Every structure is written in structure tokens, then in C-alpha cells.
Protein backbone atom coordinates (compact mmCIF):
# COMPACT_ATOMS: atom_id res chain seq x y z
CA MET A 1 41.58 31.16 -25.69
CA THR A 2 40.23 27.37 -24.90
CA ASN A 3 36.84 28.73 -25.23
CA GLY A 4 35.61 27.28 -21.46
CA ARG A 5 37.06 23.53 -22.86
CA SER A 6 38.40 21.04 -20.12
CA ASN A 7 42.35 20.38 -21.25
CA ARG A 8 40.68 16.55 -22.19
CA GLU A 9 38.47 18.68 -24.92
CA ILE A 10 41.84 20.55 -26.22
CA ALA A 11 43.97 17.67 -25.76
CA GLU A 12 41.24 15.87 -28.25
CA GLU A 13 40.56 18.76 -31.19
CA LEU A 14 44.25 18.90 -31.38
CA VAL A 15 45.38 15.68 -31.08
CA ILE A 16 48.15 15.75 -27.97
CA SER A 17 48.33 13.91 -24.66
CA VAL A 18 46.17 15.77 -21.97
CA LYS A 19 49.29 16.27 -19.36
CA THR A 20 51.11 17.80 -22.60
CA VAL A 21 47.58 21.14 -22.53
CA SER A 22 48.38 20.73 -18.92
CA VAL A 23 51.98 22.21 -19.34
CA HIS A 24 50.74 24.24 -21.69
CA VAL A 25 48.18 25.85 -19.62
CA SER A 26 50.43 26.43 -16.71
CA ASN A 27 52.53 27.98 -18.55
CA ILE A 28 50.39 30.29 -20.21
CA LEU A 29 49.21 30.90 -16.41
CA ALA A 30 52.45 31.47 -15.64
CA LYS A 31 53.15 34.16 -18.63
CA LEU A 32 50.25 36.20 -17.84
CA GLY A 33 50.59 36.03 -13.80
CA ALA A 34 46.99 34.72 -13.60
CA ALA A 35 45.35 32.44 -10.66
CA THR A 36 42.67 30.78 -12.83
CA ARG A 37 42.00 30.90 -16.53
CA GLY A 38 39.30 32.82 -16.41
CA GLU A 39 42.30 35.39 -14.46
CA ALA A 40 44.09 35.58 -17.91
CA ALA A 41 41.51 35.50 -20.08
CA ALA A 42 40.29 38.95 -18.44
CA THR A 43 45.13 39.71 -19.19
CA ALA A 44 44.80 38.44 -22.19
CA HIS A 45 41.92 40.67 -23.22
CA ARG A 46 43.14 43.52 -21.62
CA LEU A 47 46.32 43.73 -23.10
CA ARG A 48 44.11 42.69 -25.54
CA LEU A 49 46.20 39.81 -26.91
CA PHE A 50 43.54 38.47 -29.48
CA ASP A 51 40.37 39.74 -30.94
């Protein structure tokens, strides 16, 4: 997912705003029913959403 990167680091890498990253991360958390990035990563792993 983010490999432990902050919203700012993700924004810089993707050349988008920090606010946009924040919105996308919030949407991912909501869709996975997760409260934290770690919980989202665990859920995504369990659901085999990434290798």
C-alpha cells in the first residue's frame, strides 16, 4: 500500500496534493472498514487484494 509513507511523501511521489492523498486514504479505509492504515493493510492482505 503505502510502505509506511506519510501522506506528504505519497503526494510528492505522485505529484498530487496532500489533501488529495488524504481523501484517497480515507476512502480506502472506509471501503475496507478499517480504522487505521495498518488495519487496512491487514484486511487487504487477508482479501488478497495485492501480492
